[in-house]
Amino acid sequence: MAVMEGQARDPGRDVTRRDPGQLRISDADRHAVAEVLRKAAGEGRIDLEELDERLEATYGAKTYADLVPLTADLPVAGTPHAMPAPAASRVPATPGGPTYDSSFAVMSETKRQGAWEVPAKHNAAALMGSVTLDLREAHLTAHETVIDAYAIMAGVDIIVNAWTRVVVDGIGIMGDFNETRPKVDPELGPHSPVVRVRGLALMGAVNVRRKPMPGEKSRKLLGRG
């Protein structure tokens, strides 16, 4: 039986790679750095005069690159300076590929992988078949992505990378609905995208797996990691 898929939309845009350091920051980013600076002053790491100077620069900052020198010499994790720029193994910051709103498989198999765009909400359903959603190279269009997954005598596999936060909130009835043991250590931070998985597994399984980026193992073996 043919695979039933959601409609694909190719944005057809001219996508160029951008330096993440030149992305515009939000007020929340400025406030987060300000709290780090105030804490550092309270611990005696910087004096009050330097605190005032850095706070002034913080609230005048426009990009992540502007914030880097303000906290780079402070031993505090989780601030924008601790966010590494995407390496070759990381997801491109710009969108690309088709967009799928849903993925279905009835006595068949459906796979989403490579470069594709994931909307804020995606529906996945498998009946006596399998659906695989590989999000490692996908562009998540929202900070929090909700995936409604249903597996009836079937399997739905969702694959994420090291820096994606996962919230599993589903029900398994004579089946499994969980996050499996990761094959790569999580690298989570305050700006990590969130994937929330909910739904039902009836005599089937919905599994979330954390894996290395495609080709990462080969790059490490060749000394390019």
Protein backbone atom coordinates (compact mmCIF):
# COMPACT_ATOMS: atom_id res chain seq x y z
CA MET A 1 0.00 0.00 0.00
CA ALA A 2 1.33 3.46 -0.86
CA VAL A 3 2.59 5.68 1.90
CA MET A 4 0.29 8.54 2.81
CA GLU A 5 2.26 11.68 3.50
CA GLY A 6 1.55 15.24 4.50
CA GLN A 7 1.82 17.93 1.87
CA ALA A 8 5.35 19.12 1.14
CA ARG A 9 6.11 22.75 0.59
CA ASP A 10 9.39 23.87 -0.89
CA PRO A 11 10.02 27.44 0.21
CA GLY A 12 12.32 27.98 -2.77
CA ARG A 13 14.23 30.67 -0.98
CA ASP A 14 17.86 31.65 -1.50
CA VAL A 15 19.34 30.42 1.78
CA THR A 16 22.68 31.82 2.89
CA ARG A 17 24.68 30.79 5.91
CA ARG A 18 24.94 33.39 8.66
CA ASP A 19 27.41 33.89 11.46
CA PRO A 20 25.45 32.99 14.64
CA GLY A 21 27.38 35.66 16.52
CA GLN A 22 25.70 38.32 14.38
CA LEU A 23 22.17 37.22 15.25
CA ARG A 24 20.13 39.82 17.13
CA ILE A 25 19.65 39.26 20.84
CA SER A 26 16.47 39.67 22.87
CA ASP A 27 15.76 41.58 26.09
CA ALA A 28 15.74 38.21 27.88
CA ASP A 29 19.33 37.61 26.69
CA ARG A 30 20.39 41.02 28.03
CA HIS A 31 18.71 40.39 31.38
CA ALA A 32 20.35 36.95 31.66
CA VAL A 33 23.82 38.44 31.12
CA ALA A 34 23.06 41.27 33.55
CA GLU A 35 22.21 38.71 36.26
CA VAL A 36 25.50 36.91 35.60
CA LEU A 37 27.39 40.19 35.99
CA ARG A 38 25.59 41.10 39.22
CA LYS A 39 26.32 37.68 40.65
CA ALA A 40 29.98 38.01 39.66
CA ALA A 41 30.16 41.38 41.41
CA GLY A 42 28.59 39.88 44.52
CA GLU A 43 31.27 37.20 44.53
CA GLY A 44 34.03 39.78 44.18
CA ARG A 45 35.05 38.76 40.67
CA ILE A 46 34.53 42.27 39.30
CA ASP A 47 34.33 45.60 41.16
CA LEU A 48 31.33 47.95 41.16
CA GLU A 49 32.85 50.34 38.62
CA GLU A 50 33.47 47.48 36.19
CA LEU A 51 29.96 46.18 36.88
CA ASP A 52 28.46 49.51 35.84
CA GLU A 53 30.56 49.56 32.66
CA ARG A 54 29.61 46.02 31.71
CA LEU A 55 25.92 46.55 32.48
CA GLU A 56 25.89 49.63 30.25
CA ALA A 57 27.51 47.62 27.45
CA THR A 58 25.07 44.74 28.06
CA TYR A 59 21.94 46.83 27.63
CA GLY A 60 23.48 48.52 24.60
CA ALA A 61 24.38 45.20 22.93
CA LYS A 62 22.62 44.22 19.72
CA THR A 63 24.12 40.82 18.79
CA TYR A 64 25.46 37.74 20.55
CA ALA A 65 28.96 38.76 19.49
CA ASP A 66 28.53 41.98 21.50
CA LEU A 67 27.88 39.94 24.67
CA VAL A 68 30.87 37.60 24.32
CA PRO A 69 33.58 39.87 25.85
CA LEU A 70 31.28 40.86 28.73
CA THR A 71 31.18 37.39 30.29
CA ALA A 72 34.05 35.54 28.60
CA ASP A 73 36.33 35.87 31.65
CA LEU A 74 33.67 34.75 34.15
CA PRO A 75 33.38 31.06 35.14
CA VAL A 76 29.64 30.91 34.56
CA ALA A 77 28.08 28.39 32.17
CA GLY A 78 24.83 28.82 30.35
CA THR A 79 25.31 32.43 29.16
CA PRO A 80 25.45 33.33 25.46
CA HIS A 81 29.29 33.26 25.42
CA ALA A 82 29.07 29.55 26.24
CA MET A 83 27.05 28.84 23.12
CA PRO A 84 29.48 27.47 20.50
CA ALA A 85 29.07 28.50 16.92
CA PRO A 86 27.76 25.68 14.75
CA ALA A 87 30.55 23.40 13.60
CA ALA A 88 30.33 21.23 10.50
CA SER A 89 28.41 18.64 12.50
CA ARG A 90 25.78 21.07 13.80
CA VAL A 91 22.45 22.03 12.30
CA PRO A 92 22.55 25.05 9.96
CA ALA A 93 20.94 28.14 11.50
CA THR A 94 19.03 28.86 8.31
CA PRO A 95 15.94 27.03 7.02
CA GLY A 96 15.99 24.73 4.03
CA GLY A 97 14.22 21.78 2.45
CA PRO A 98 10.52 20.95 2.27
CA THR A 99 8.09 21.37 5.15
CA TYR A 100 5.94 18.48 6.37
CA ASP A 101 2.95 19.00 8.64
CA SER A 102 2.30 15.29 9.11
CA SER A 103 3.71 11.81 8.56
CA PHE A 104 1.57 8.68 8.17
CA ALA A 105 2.29 5.03 7.49
CA VAL A 106 -0.31 2.27 7.06
CA MET A 107 1.27 -1.17 6.66
CA SER A 108 4.26 0.68 5.25
CA GLU A 109 7.18 2.94 6.17
CA THR A 110 7.61 6.71 6.15
CA LYS A 111 10.92 8.47 6.86
CA ARG A 112 11.72 12.16 7.28
CA GLN A 113 15.44 12.84 7.37
CA GLY A 114 18.12 15.19 6.16
CA ALA A 115 17.31 18.88 5.67
CA TRP A 116 13.61 19.56 6.15
CA GLU A 117 11.51 22.10 8.01
CA VAL A 118 9.43 21.10 11.01
CA PRO A 119 6.48 23.35 11.88
CA ALA A 120 5.53 24.15 15.47
CA LYS A 121 3.19 21.16 15.44
CA HIS A 122 3.64 17.87 13.58
CA ASN A 123 1.34 14.83 13.52
CA ALA A 124 2.81 11.33 13.18
CA ALA A 125 0.70 8.17 13.01
CA ALA A 126 1.57 4.57 12.16
CA LEU A 127 -0.82 1.62 11.79
CA MET A 128 0.95 -1.72 11.44
CA GLY A 129 3.87 0.19 9.95
CA SER A 130 6.62 2.60 10.98
CA VAL A 131 7.33 6.33 10.96
CA THR A 132 10.81 7.75 11.51
CA LEU A 133 11.30 11.46 12.16
CA ASP A 134 14.99 12.35 12.11
CA LEU A 135 15.27 15.90 13.47
CA ARG A 136 19.07 16.08 13.70
CA GLU A 137 19.53 18.07 10.48
CA ALA A 138 16.02 19.51 10.38
CA HIS A 139 15.17 23.18 10.90
CA LEU A 140 12.76 23.58 13.82
CA THR A 141 10.69 26.67 12.99
CA ALA A 142 9.65 27.24 16.63
CA HIS A 143 11.57 27.18 19.90
CA GLU A 144 9.14 24.49 21.11
CA THR A 145 7.96 21.82 18.69
CA VAL A 146 5.02 19.60 19.59
CA ILE A 147 4.81 16.17 17.97
CA ASP A 148 1.56 14.22 18.39
CA ALA A 149 2.58 10.60 17.85
CA TYR A 150 0.26 7.60 17.60
CA ALA A 151 1.46 4.03 17.09
CA ILE A 152 -1.09 1.21 16.79
CA MET A 153 0.60 -2.16 16.47
CA ALA A 154 3.37 -0.10 14.93
CA GLY A 155 6.38 2.07 15.73
CA VAL A 156 7.16 5.78 15.68
CA ASP A 157 10.85 6.70 16.14
CA ILE A 158 11.90 10.29 16.77
CA ILE A 159 15.63 11.05 16.56
CA VAL A 160 17.15 14.21 18.05
CA ASN A 161 20.67 15.59 18.37
CA ALA A 162 22.73 16.31 21.50
CA TRP A 163 21.54 19.91 22.01
CA THR A 164 17.77 19.38 21.71
CA ARG A 165 15.74 19.21 24.91
CA VAL A 166 13.09 16.47 24.93
CA VAL A 167 9.87 16.25 26.93
CA VAL A 168 8.04 12.92 26.59
CA ASP A 169 4.40 13.06 27.66
CA GLY A 170 2.55 10.09 26.17
CA ILE A 171 0.76 6.92 27.18
CA GLY A 172 1.73 3.34 26.39
CA ILE A 173 -0.98 0.66 26.52
CA MET A 174 0.55 -2.77 26.12
CA GLY A 175 3.37 -0.84 24.50
CA ASP A 176 6.18 1.68 25.12
CA PHE A 177 6.15 5.46 25.05
CA ASN A 178 9.51 6.74 26.27
CA GLU A 179 12.94 8.23 25.66
CA THR A 180 15.53 5.50 25.18
CA ARG A 181 19.07 5.50 26.51
CA PRO A 182 21.02 8.16 24.58
CA LYS A 183 23.89 7.26 22.26
CA VAL A 184 25.41 10.71 22.75
CA ASP A 185 25.67 12.86 25.87
CA PRO A 186 23.20 15.78 25.98
CA GLU A 187 24.65 19.27 25.47
CA LEU A 188 21.75 21.36 26.72
CA GLY A 189 21.67 25.08 27.43
CA PRO A 190 19.16 27.90 27.98
CA HIS A 191 18.66 28.32 24.24
CA SER A 192 18.23 24.62 23.41
CA PRO A 193 15.16 23.96 21.26
CA VAL A 194 12.43 21.89 22.90
CA VAL A 195 10.70 18.90 21.32
CA ARG A 196 7.58 17.83 23.22
CA VAL A 197 6.29 14.38 22.26
CA ARG A 198 2.80 13.34 23.28
CA GLY A 199 0.24 10.80 22.14
CA LEU A 200 -0.45 7.08 22.44
CA ALA A 201 1.25 3.75 21.78
CA LEU A 202 -1.24 0.86 21.61
CA MET A 203 0.46 -2.51 21.30
CA GLY A 204 3.28 -0.57 19.69
CA ALA A 205 6.08 1.85 20.55
CA VAL A 206 6.85 5.54 20.39
CA ASN A 207 10.55 6.03 21.12
CA VAL A 208 12.68 9.15 21.25
CA ARG A 209 16.37 8.51 20.59
CA ARG A 210 19.28 10.91 21.05
CA LYS A 211 22.02 10.18 18.51
CA PRO A 212 25.18 11.84 17.14
CA MET A 213 24.91 13.92 13.99
CA PRO A 214 25.05 11.96 10.73
CA GLY A 215 28.67 11.32 9.76
CA GLU A 216 30.02 12.51 13.12
CA LYS A 217 31.61 9.15 13.93
CA SER A 218 33.44 9.09 10.60
CA ARG A 219 34.67 12.66 11.07
CA LYS A 220 36.09 11.78 14.49
CA LEU A 221 37.84 8.74 13.11
CA LEU A 222 39.42 10.95 10.46
CA GLY A 223 40.38 13.55 13.06
CA ARG A 224 37.94 16.15 11.74
CA GLY A 225 35.54 16.17 14.71
